[in-house]
Amino acid sequence: MKSAIITGVSTGIGRATCQFLLTENYTVFGSIRSAEDGEYLRNTLGEKFVPLLFDVTNRKEISSTVQTIRHHTNGQAVTALINNAGIAVGGPLEYIEPHQMHHQFKVNVMGVLNCIQIFLPLLKTEPGSLHQPGKIINIGSIAGQIASPFMGPYCASKHALEGLTSSLRQELKVYGINVVLVGPGPTRSEIWNKIDHAKIEDSAETIYGKPMEKFQELITGAVRTAYPSTKIARLIHNIIENKWPRSRYYLTPNPITSWFIPRLLPERFLHYIVALILGLNRK
């Protein structure tokens, strides 16, 4: 029996991955935050989808779902844990409230750690078992390697996830568990619609106003050429099926301009160019 736990399956990459794995005959345990979403998805996706009602920031809620998973898998190791749930907080760091930064990390970093710590026993197998232990796949972002202005909290959380994933990968070798990070570039996902636009608008009258307008235009343009979530879902499936996956996968629709050039250029020069484009250089 192939099975996967996916956090945040209501929309975007989580929903696409859930649907794709179901077509590949996986049993999918998907986290949602409302009973209504769970009922809708169960009716839409079929009986091999099992909704799990929890918020990734609530360890008690997460723990309450473990027995449900054990019941459906009959004690067999879960094939993969996919930590996808996340949020994006935007705006100039000068005006970001402490509680906003805290919430960004609480969801994108601590939420991942909560799920790993609680679900890890479900991924383990006994030494010499005929079954492979499960994999952990953390959904990061190219923002975890290349930071941009006005997305400081989000970029910081994804940089933190890179470090967490790297440390965990080394530690969990003791169980034979592979830990992989998937870092998508622009993707058609609802996460960008959940940004606190009111906070961004509050900064419009500051010195950052015009640069932020330009940044928003660039983001809008990137969304037009963004990858569909189904492309990320196929990659995730390939990683699960691969016995020896790479440690990191980065996927972006414009790899030359959004990945290779930024990583090849000296950082000081790259930041100068970005500031020049946005109008951030001091006059």
C-alpha atoms as a PDB file:
ATOM      1  CA  MET A   1       0.000   0.000   0.000  1.00  0.00           C
ATOM      2  CA  LYS A   2       1.374   3.391  -1.015  1.00  0.00           C
ATOM      3  CA  SER A   3       0.364   6.312   1.147  1.00  0.00           C
ATOM      4  CA  ALA A   4       1.250   9.963   1.659  1.00  0.00           C
ATOM      5  CA  ILE A   5       0.568  12.635   4.242  1.00  0.00           C
ATOM      6  CA  ILE A   6       0.264  16.087   2.642  1.00  0.00           C
ATOM      7  CA  THR A   7      -0.250  19.294   4.588  1.00  0.00           C
ATOM      8  CA  GLY A   8      -2.336  22.067   3.059  1.00  0.00           C
ATOM      9  CA  VAL A   9      -4.343  20.256   0.373  1.00  0.00           C
ATOM     10  CA  SER A  10      -7.176  22.758  -0.058  1.00  0.00           C
ATOM     11  CA  THR A  11      -5.476  24.616  -2.933  1.00  0.00           C
ATOM     12  CA  GLY A  12      -2.317  24.989  -5.013  1.00  0.00           C
ATOM     13  CA  ILE A  13       0.588  22.561  -4.907  1.00  0.00           C
ATOM     14  CA  GLY A  14      -0.954  20.564  -2.067  1.00  0.00           C
ATOM     15  CA  ARG A  15      -4.225  20.034  -3.920  1.00  0.00           C
ATOM     16  CA  ALA A  16      -2.473  19.182  -7.209  1.00  0.00           C
ATOM     17  CA  THR A  17      -0.137  16.703  -5.503  1.00  0.00           C
ATOM     18  CA  CYS A  18      -3.032  15.104  -3.679  1.00  0.00           C
ATOM     19  CA  GLN A  19      -4.974  14.621  -6.914  1.00  0.00           C
ATOM     20  CA  PHE A  20      -1.953  13.298  -8.805  1.00  0.00           C
ATOM     21  CA  LEU A  21      -1.015  10.745  -6.143  1.00  0.00           C
ATOM     22  CA  LEU A  22      -4.611   9.538  -5.997  1.00  0.00           C
ATOM     23  CA  THR A  23      -4.457   8.795  -9.740  1.00  0.00           C
ATOM     24  CA  GLU A  24      -1.318   6.753  -8.977  1.00  0.00           C
ATOM     25  CA  ASN A  25      -3.314   4.663  -6.483  1.00  0.00           C
ATOM     26  CA  TYR A  26      -1.917   6.211  -3.318  1.00  0.00           C
ATOM     27  CA  THR A  27      -3.972   6.612  -0.194  1.00  0.00           C
ATOM     28  CA  VAL A  28      -3.609  10.294   0.640  1.00  0.00           C
ATOM     29  CA  PHE A  29      -3.993  11.786   4.099  1.00  0.00           C
ATOM     30  CA  GLY A  30      -4.494  15.494   3.501  1.00  0.00           C
ATOM     31  CA  SER A  31      -4.588  18.236   6.102  1.00  0.00           C
ATOM     32  CA  ILE A  32      -7.323  20.837   5.974  1.00  0.00           C
ATOM     33  CA  ARG A  33      -8.347  23.462   8.523  1.00  0.00           C
ATOM     34  CA  SER A  34     -12.131  23.256   8.223  1.00  0.00           C
ATOM     35  CA  ALA A  35     -14.503  20.303   8.373  1.00  0.00           C
ATOM     36  CA  GLU A  36     -16.378  21.745   5.382  1.00  0.00           C
ATOM     37  CA  ASP A  37     -13.236  21.581   3.223  1.00  0.00           C
ATOM     38  CA  GLY A  38     -12.645  18.014   4.367  1.00  0.00           C
ATOM     39  CA  GLU A  39     -16.160  16.905   3.476  1.00  0.00           C
ATOM     40  CA  TYR A  40     -15.996  18.642   0.091  1.00  0.00           C
ATOM     41  CA  LEU A  41     -12.642  17.093  -0.803  1.00  0.00           C
ATOM     42  CA  ARG A  42     -13.700  13.638   0.374  1.00  0.00           C
ATOM     43  CA  ASN A  43     -16.791  13.810  -1.841  1.00  0.00           C
ATOM     44  CA  THR A  44     -14.751  15.188  -4.756  1.00  0.00           C
ATOM     45  CA  LEU A  45     -11.642  13.017  -4.534  1.00  0.00           C
ATOM     46  CA  GLY A  46     -13.067   9.695  -3.406  1.00  0.00           C
ATOM     47  CA  GLU A  47     -12.577   7.207  -0.599  1.00  0.00           C
ATOM     48  CA  LYS A  48      -8.790   6.933  -0.966  1.00  0.00           C
ATOM     49  CA  PHE A  49      -8.551  10.514   0.258  1.00  0.00           C
ATOM     50  CA  VAL A  50      -8.626  10.764   4.048  1.00  0.00           C
ATOM     51  CA  PRO A  51      -9.038  14.313   5.421  1.00  0.00           C
ATOM     52  CA  LEU A  52      -7.071  15.247   8.527  1.00  0.00           C
ATOM     53  CA  LEU A  53      -8.404  18.257  10.412  1.00  0.00           C
ATOM     54  CA  PHE A  54      -5.509  20.203  11.899  1.00  0.00           C
ATOM     55  CA  ASP A  55      -3.532  23.432  11.830  1.00  0.00           C
ATOM     56  CA  VAL A  56       0.214  22.832  11.449  1.00  0.00           C
ATOM     57  CA  THR A  57       0.861  25.239  14.339  1.00  0.00           C
ATOM     58  CA  ASN A  58      -1.232  23.135  16.752  1.00  0.00           C
ATOM     59  CA  ARG A  59       0.657  20.054  17.970  1.00  0.00           C
ATOM     60  CA  LYS A  60      -2.348  18.688  19.842  1.00  0.00           C
ATOM     61  CA  GLU A  61      -4.490  18.737  16.697  1.00  0.00           C
ATOM     62  CA  ILE A  62      -1.723  17.080  14.658  1.00  0.00           C
ATOM     63  CA  SER A  63      -1.218  14.337  17.269  1.00  0.00           C
ATOM     64  CA  SER A  64      -4.940  13.576  17.298  1.00  0.00           C
ATOM     65  CA  THR A  65      -4.728  12.335  13.684  1.00  0.00           C
ATOM     66  CA  VAL A  66      -1.965   9.744  14.190  1.00  0.00           C
ATOM     67  CA  GLN A  67      -4.333   6.940  15.172  1.00  0.00           C
ATOM     68  CA  THR A  68      -6.485   7.585  12.084  1.00  0.00           C
ATOM     69  CA  ILE A  69      -3.429   7.162   9.862  1.00  0.00           C
ATOM     70  CA  ARG A  70      -2.310   3.987  11.676  1.00  0.00           C
ATOM     71  CA  HIS A  71      -5.794   2.533  11.240  1.00  0.00           C
ATOM     72  CA  HIS A  72      -5.799   3.091   7.467  1.00  0.00           C
ATOM     73  CA  THR A  73      -2.226   1.863   6.907  1.00  0.00           C
ATOM     74  CA  ASN A  74      -2.551  -1.189   9.175  1.00  0.00           C
ATOM     75  CA  GLY A  75       0.757  -0.283  10.782  1.00  0.00           C
ATOM     76  CA  GLN A  76       2.666  -0.177   7.491  1.00  0.00           C
ATOM     77  CA  ALA A  77       5.100   2.726   7.056  1.00  0.00           C
ATOM     78  CA  VAL A  78       3.716   5.804   5.319  1.00  0.00           C
ATOM     79  CA  THR A  79       5.453   6.237   1.947  1.00  0.00           C
ATOM     80  CA  ALA A  80       5.943  10.010   2.161  1.00  0.00           C
ATOM     81  CA  LEU A  81       5.332  13.045   4.332  1.00  0.00           C
ATOM     82  CA  ILE A  82       4.981  16.177   2.188  1.00  0.00           C
ATOM     83  CA  ASN A  83       5.211  19.405   4.168  1.00  0.00           C
ATOM     84  CA  ASN A  84       3.473  21.858   1.875  1.00  0.00           C
ATOM     85  CA  ALA A  85       1.332  24.134   4.079  1.00  0.00           C
ATOM     86  CA  GLY A  86       2.634  27.681   4.165  1.00  0.00           C
ATOM     87  CA  ILE A  87       1.843  31.385   4.115  1.00  0.00           C
ATOM     88  CA  ALA A  88       3.528  34.473   2.669  1.00  0.00           C
ATOM     89  CA  VAL A  89       3.948  37.748   4.548  1.00  0.00           C
ATOM     90  CA  GLY A  90       5.054  40.699   2.430  1.00  0.00           C
ATOM     91  CA  GLY A  91       6.017  44.333   2.834  1.00  0.00           C
ATOM     92  CA  PRO A  92       9.089  46.395   3.754  1.00  0.00           C
ATOM     93  CA  LEU A  93      10.857  44.896   6.765  1.00  0.00           C
ATOM     94  CA  GLU A  94      11.023  48.352   8.334  1.00  0.00           C
ATOM     95  CA  TYR A  95       7.250  48.216   8.818  1.00  0.00           C
ATOM     96  CA  ILE A  96       6.664  44.503   9.467  1.00  0.00           C
ATOM     97  CA  GLU A  97       5.073  43.979  12.888  1.00  0.00           C
ATOM     98  CA  PRO A  98       6.795  41.465  15.216  1.00  0.00           C
ATOM     99  CA  HIS A  99       3.641  39.343  15.370  1.00  0.00           C
ATOM    100  CA  GLN A 100       3.617  39.080  11.555  1.00  0.00           C
ATOM    101  CA  MET A 101       7.187  37.792  11.459  1.00  0.00           C
ATOM    102  CA  HIS A 102       6.445  35.418  14.326  1.00  0.00           C
ATOM    103  CA  HIS A 103       3.393  34.019  12.541  1.00  0.00           C
ATOM    104  CA  GLN A 104       5.371  33.601   9.299  1.00  0.00           C
ATOM    105  CA  PHE A 105       7.925  31.412  11.087  1.00  0.00           C
ATOM    106  CA  LYS A 106       5.314  29.664  13.213  1.00  0.00           C
ATOM    107  CA  VAL A 107       3.630  28.327  10.069  1.00  0.00           C
ATOM    108  CA  ASN A 108       6.479  27.920   7.567  1.00  0.00           C
ATOM    109  CA  VAL A 109       9.169  26.615   9.921  1.00  0.00           C
ATOM    110  CA  MET A 110       7.694  25.433  13.214  1.00  0.00           C
ATOM    111  CA  GLY A 111       4.699  23.986  11.372  1.00  0.00           C
ATOM    112  CA  VAL A 112       7.047  21.799   9.341  1.00  0.00           C
ATOM    113  CA  LEU A 113       8.982  20.718  12.441  1.00  0.00           C
ATOM    114  CA  ASN A 114       5.747  19.936  14.296  1.00  0.00           C
ATOM    115  CA  CYS A 115       4.595  17.578  11.544  1.00  0.00           C
ATOM    116  CA  ILE A 116       7.996  15.913  11.201  1.00  0.00           C
ATOM    117  CA  GLN A 117       8.341  15.248  14.927  1.00  0.00           C
ATOM    118  CA  ILE A 118       4.813  13.899  15.319  1.00  0.00           C
ATOM    119  CA  PHE A 119       4.583  11.863  12.098  1.00  0.00           C
ATOM    120  CA  LEU A 120       8.175  10.549  12.071  1.00  0.00           C
ATOM    121  CA  PRO A 121       7.273   7.258  13.834  1.00  0.00           C
ATOM    122  CA  LEU A 122       4.839   6.540  10.980  1.00  0.00           C
ATOM    123  CA  LEU A 123       7.699   6.695   8.435  1.00  0.00           C
ATOM    124  CA  LYS A 124      10.087   4.328  10.200  1.00  0.00           C
ATOM    125  CA  THR A 125      10.622   0.643   9.422  1.00  0.00           C
ATOM    126  CA  GLU A 126      12.513  -2.006  11.361  1.00  0.00           C
ATOM    127  CA  PRO A 127      16.092  -2.806  10.206  1.00  0.00           C
ATOM    128  CA  GLY A 128      15.966  -5.626   7.663  1.00  0.00           C
ATOM    129  CA  SER A 129      12.320  -4.953   6.825  1.00  0.00           C
ATOM    130  CA  LEU A 130      11.146  -5.690   3.292  1.00  0.00           C
ATOM    131  CA  HIS A 131       9.524  -2.261   3.225  1.00  0.00           C
ATOM    132  CA  GLN A 132      11.423   0.969   2.610  1.00  0.00           C
ATOM    133  CA  PRO A 133      11.091   3.720   5.218  1.00  0.00           C
ATOM    134  CA  GLY A 134       9.111   6.758   4.115  1.00  0.00           C
ATOM    135  CA  LYS A 135      10.523   9.951   2.649  1.00  0.00           C
ATOM    136  CA  ILE A 136      10.123  13.518   3.888  1.00  0.00           C
ATOM    137  CA  ILE A 137       9.620  16.178   1.208  1.00  0.00           C
ATOM    138  CA  ASN A 138       9.657  19.798   2.331  1.00  0.00           C
ATOM    139  CA  ILE A 139       8.249  22.382  -0.059  1.00  0.00           C
ATOM    140  CA  GLY A 140      10.609  25.345  -0.009  1.00  0.00           C
ATOM    141  CA  SER A 141      11.109  28.001  -2.666  1.00  0.00           C
ATOM    142  CA  ILE A 142      13.845  29.536  -4.769  1.00  0.00           C
ATOM    143  CA  ALA A 143      13.302  32.378  -2.281  1.00  0.00           C
ATOM    144  CA  GLY A 144      15.157  30.126   0.151  1.00  0.00           C
ATOM    145  CA  GLN A 145      18.274  30.657  -1.961  1.00  0.00           C
ATOM    146  CA  ILE A 146      17.671  34.042  -3.601  1.00  0.00           C
ATOM    147  CA  ALA A 147      15.992  36.669  -1.437  1.00  0.00           C
ATOM    148  CA  SER A 148      13.994  39.539  -2.875  1.00  0.00           C
ATOM    149  CA  PRO A 149      12.998  42.895  -1.384  1.00  0.00           C
ATOM    150  CA  PHE A 150       9.523  43.295   0.098  1.00  0.00           C
ATOM    151  CA  MET A 151       9.219  39.553   0.774  1.00  0.00           C
ATOM    152  CA  GLY A 152      11.636  39.503   3.708  1.00  0.00           C
ATOM    153  CA  PRO A 153       9.571  37.427   6.169  1.00  0.00           C
ATOM    154  CA  TYR A 154       8.740  34.814   3.525  1.00  0.00           C
ATOM    155  CA  CYS A 155      12.326  34.643   2.221  1.00  0.00           C
ATOM    156  CA  ALA A 156      13.690  34.366   5.758  1.00  0.00           C
ATOM    157  CA  SER A 157      11.332  31.486   6.553  1.00  0.00           C
ATOM    158  CA  LYS A 158      12.343  29.624   3.395  1.00  0.00           C
ATOM    159  CA  HIS A 159      16.054  30.175   4.143  1.00  0.00           C
ATOM    160  CA  ALA A 160      15.379  28.711   7.594  1.00  0.00           C
ATOM    161  CA  LEU A 161      13.627  25.735   6.015  1.00  0.00           C
ATOM    162  CA  GLU A 162      16.713  25.085   3.873  1.00  0.00           C
ATOM    163  CA  GLY A 163      18.864  24.822   7.009  1.00  0.00           C
ATOM    164  CA  LEU A 164      16.330  22.710   8.877  1.00  0.00           C
ATOM    165  CA  THR A 165      16.045  20.318   5.931  1.00  0.00           C
ATOM    166  CA  SER A 166      19.819  19.996   5.542  1.00  0.00           C
ATOM    167  CA  SER A 167      20.361  19.195   9.229  1.00  0.00           C
ATOM    168  CA  LEU A 168      17.444  16.772   9.287  1.00  0.00           C
ATOM    169  CA  ARG A 169      18.684  14.989   6.161  1.00  0.00           C
ATOM    170  CA  GLN A 170      21.939  14.132   7.913  1.00  0.00           C
ATOM    171  CA  GLU A 171      20.314  13.110  11.199  1.00  0.00           C
ATOM    172  CA  LEU A 172      17.642  10.837   9.723  1.00  0.00           C
ATOM    173  CA  LYS A 173      20.181   8.747   7.821  1.00  0.00           C
ATOM    174  CA  VAL A 174      20.204   6.695  11.022  1.00  0.00           C
ATOM    175  CA  TYR A 175      16.691   5.510  10.049  1.00  0.00           C
ATOM    176  CA  GLY A 176      17.346   5.325   6.300  1.00  0.00           C
ATOM    177  CA  ILE A 177      14.851   8.158   5.744  1.00  0.00           C
ATOM    178  CA  ASN A 178      15.515  10.440   2.778  1.00  0.00           C
ATOM    179  CA  VAL A 179      14.771  14.139   3.303  1.00  0.00           C
ATOM    180  CA  VAL A 180      14.317  16.201   0.139  1.00  0.00           C
ATOM    181  CA  LEU A 181      13.654  19.877  -0.456  1.00  0.00           C
ATOM    182  CA  VAL A 182      11.634  21.026  -3.474  1.00  0.00           C
ATOM    183  CA  GLY A 183      12.120  24.714  -4.265  1.00  0.00           C
ATOM    184  CA  PRO A 184       9.646  25.955  -6.883  1.00  0.00           C
ATOM    185  CA  GLY A 185       9.932  29.299  -8.598  1.00  0.00           C
ATOM    186  CA  PRO A 186       6.763  31.180  -9.616  1.00  0.00           C
ATOM    187  CA  THR A 187       3.861  28.729  -9.382  1.00  0.00           C
ATOM    188  CA  ARG A 188       0.142  29.204  -9.877  1.00  0.00           C
ATOM    189  CA  SER A 189      -0.831  28.936  -6.236  1.00  0.00           C
ATOM    190  CA  GLU A 190      -3.322  30.569  -3.885  1.00  0.00           C
ATOM    191  CA  ILE A 191      -0.549  31.456  -1.425  1.00  0.00           C
ATOM    192  CA  TRP A 192       0.056  34.763  -3.223  1.00  0.00           C
ATOM    193  CA  ASN A 193      -3.609  35.706  -2.873  1.00  0.00           C
ATOM    194  CA  LYS A 194      -3.318  35.263   0.907  1.00  0.00           C
ATOM    195  CA  ILE A 195      -0.648  37.929   1.389  1.00  0.00           C
ATOM    196  CA  ASP A 196      -1.722  40.736   3.715  1.00  0.00           C
ATOM    197  CA  HIS A 197      -2.246  43.323   0.968  1.00  0.00           C
ATOM    198  CA  ALA A 198      -3.602  45.820   3.494  1.00  0.00           C
ATOM    199  CA  LYS A 199      -0.200  45.922   5.161  1.00  0.00           C
ATOM    200  CA  ILE A 200       1.496  46.430   1.799  1.00  0.00           C
ATOM    201  CA  GLU A 201      -0.917  49.251   0.965  1.00  0.00           C
ATOM    202  CA  ASP A 202      -0.107  50.867   4.322  1.00  0.00           C
ATOM    203  CA  SER A 203       3.477  51.197   3.103  1.00  0.00           C
ATOM    204  CA  ALA A 204       2.450  52.837  -0.180  1.00  0.00           C
ATOM    205  CA  GLU A 205       2.809  56.335   1.256  1.00  0.00           C
ATOM    206  CA  THR A 206       6.337  55.664   2.518  1.00  0.00           C
ATOM    207  CA  ILE A 207       9.673  55.921   0.727  1.00  0.00           C
ATOM    208  CA  TYR A 208       9.069  52.352  -0.472  1.00  0.00           C
ATOM    209  CA  GLY A 209       5.825  53.187  -2.289  1.00  0.00           C
ATOM    210  CA  LYS A 210       7.025  53.476  -5.892  1.00  0.00           C
ATOM    211  CA  PRO A 211       9.593  50.628  -5.651  1.00  0.00           C
ATOM    212  CA  MET A 212       6.845  48.396  -4.282  1.00  0.00           C
ATOM    213  CA  GLU A 213       4.563  49.329  -7.181  1.00  0.00           C
ATOM    214  CA  LYS A 214       7.291  48.250  -9.593  1.00  0.00           C
ATOM    215  CA  PHE A 215       7.867  45.051  -7.623  1.00  0.00           C
ATOM    216  CA  GLN A 216       4.154  44.225  -7.789  1.00  0.00           C
ATOM    217  CA  GLU A 217       4.249  44.697 -11.567  1.00  0.00           C
ATOM    218  CA  LEU A 218       7.156  42.261 -11.821  1.00  0.00           C
ATOM    219  CA  ILE A 219       5.323  39.725  -9.653  1.00  0.00           C
ATOM    220  CA  THR A 220       2.209  40.048 -11.831  1.00  0.00           C
ATOM    221  CA  GLY A 221       4.337  39.391 -14.909  1.00  0.00           C
ATOM    222  CA  ALA A 222       5.954  36.360 -13.279  1.00  0.00           C
ATOM    223  CA  VAL A 223       2.549  34.883 -12.449  1.00  0.00           C
ATOM    224  CA  ARG A 224       1.613  34.958 -16.155  1.00  0.00           C
ATOM    225  CA  THR A 225       4.466  32.581 -16.989  1.00  0.00           C
ATOM    226  CA  ALA A 226       4.294  30.608 -13.728  1.00  0.00           C
ATOM    227  CA  TYR A 227       4.324  26.837 -13.724  1.00  0.00           C
ATOM    228  CA  PRO A 228       1.022  25.079 -13.079  1.00  0.00           C
ATOM    229  CA  SER A 229       0.916  23.286  -9.743  1.00  0.00           C
ATOM    230  CA  THR A 230       0.535  19.981 -11.599  1.00  0.00           C
ATOM    231  CA  LYS A 231       4.146  20.248 -12.790  1.00  0.00           C
ATOM    232  CA  ILE A 232       5.360  20.399  -9.188  1.00  0.00           C
ATOM    233  CA  ALA A 233       3.036  17.503  -8.321  1.00  0.00           C
ATOM    234  CA  ARG A 234       4.629  15.304 -11.003  1.00  0.00           C
ATOM    235  CA  LEU A 235       8.083  16.133  -9.677  1.00  0.00           C
ATOM    236  CA  ILE A 236       7.032  15.220  -6.142  1.00  0.00           C
ATOM    237  CA  HIS A 237       5.695  11.882  -7.376  1.00  0.00           C
ATOM    238  CA  ASN A 238       8.969  11.179  -9.184  1.00  0.00           C
ATOM    239  CA  ILE A 239      10.916  11.935  -6.002  1.00  0.00           C
ATOM    240  CA  ILE A 240       8.760   9.556  -3.973  1.00  0.00           C
ATOM    241  CA  GLU A 241       9.247   6.780  -6.527  1.00  0.00           C
ATOM    242  CA  ASN A 242      13.012   7.385  -6.851  1.00  0.00           C
ATOM    243  CA  LYS A 243      15.063   5.182  -4.520  1.00  0.00           C
ATOM    244  CA  TRP A 244      17.991   7.630  -4.595  1.00  0.00           C
ATOM    245  CA  PRO A 245      16.550  11.140  -4.964  1.00  0.00           C
ATOM    246  CA  ARG A 246      18.704  14.258  -4.972  1.00  0.00           C
ATOM    247  CA  SER A 247      18.781  16.326  -1.803  1.00  0.00           C
ATOM    248  CA  ARG A 248      17.299  19.409  -3.508  1.00  0.00           C
ATOM    249  CA  TYR A 249      15.229  20.151  -6.595  1.00  0.00           C
ATOM    250  CA  TYR A 250      14.680  23.672  -7.901  1.00  0.00           C
ATOM    251  CA  LEU A 251      12.110  24.258 -10.609  1.00  0.00           C
ATOM    252  CA  THR A 252      11.417  27.617 -12.232  1.00  0.00           C
ATOM    253  CA  PRO A 253       9.922  28.589 -15.614  1.00  0.00           C
ATOM    254  CA  ASN A 254      12.731  31.063 -16.405  1.00  0.00           C
ATOM    255  CA  PRO A 255      15.847  29.341 -15.049  1.00  0.00           C
ATOM    256  CA  ILE A 256      18.376  31.566 -16.833  1.00  0.00           C
ATOM    257  CA  THR A 257      17.113  34.874 -15.430  1.00  0.00           C
ATOM    258  CA  SER A 258      15.575  33.706 -12.155  1.00  0.00           C
ATOM    259  CA  TRP A 259      18.105  31.062 -11.102  1.00  0.00           C
ATOM    260  CA  PHE A 260      21.420  30.733 -12.930  1.00  0.00           C
ATOM    261  CA  ILE A 261      22.294  34.425 -13.432  1.00  0.00           C
ATOM    262  CA  PRO A 262      21.367  35.474  -9.862  1.00  0.00           C
ATOM    263  CA  ARG A 263      23.495  32.651  -8.466  1.00  0.00           C
ATOM    264  CA  LEU A 264      26.461  33.401 -10.730  1.00  0.00           C
ATOM    265  CA  LEU A 265      26.580  37.170 -10.234  1.00  0.00           C
ATOM    266  CA  PRO A 266      28.377  38.651  -7.215  1.00  0.00           C
ATOM    267  CA  GLU A 267      25.683  39.326  -4.636  1.00  0.00           C
ATOM    268  CA  ARG A 268      26.559  43.012  -4.258  1.00  0.00           C
ATOM    269  CA  PHE A 269      26.219  43.528  -8.022  1.00  0.00           C
ATOM    270  CA  LEU A 270      22.964  41.550  -8.160  1.00  0.00           C
ATOM    271  CA  HIS A 271      21.469  43.680  -5.399  1.00  0.00           C
ATOM    272  CA  TYR A 272      22.589  46.853  -7.169  1.00  0.00           C
ATOM    273  CA  ILE A 273      20.812  45.746 -10.374  1.00  0.00           C
ATOM    274  CA  VAL A 274      17.615  44.830  -8.497  1.00  0.00           C
ATOM    275  CA  ALA A 275      17.661  48.163  -6.673  1.00  0.00           C
ATOM    276  CA  LEU A 276      18.254  49.957  -9.981  1.00  0.00           C
ATOM    277  CA  ILE A 277      15.247  48.246 -11.576  1.00  0.00           C
ATOM    278  CA  LEU A 278      12.991  48.993  -8.604  1.00  0.00           C
ATOM    279  CA  GLY A 279      14.308  52.460  -7.871  1.00  0.00           C
ATOM    280  CA  LEU A 280      15.747  51.591  -4.475  1.00  0.00           C
ATOM    281  CA  ASN A 281      19.237  53.034  -4.906  1.00  0.00           C
ATOM    282  CA  ARG A 282      19.728  56.202  -2.879  1.00  0.00           C
ATOM    283  CA  LYS A 283      19.727  59.253  -5.099  1.00  0.00           C
END
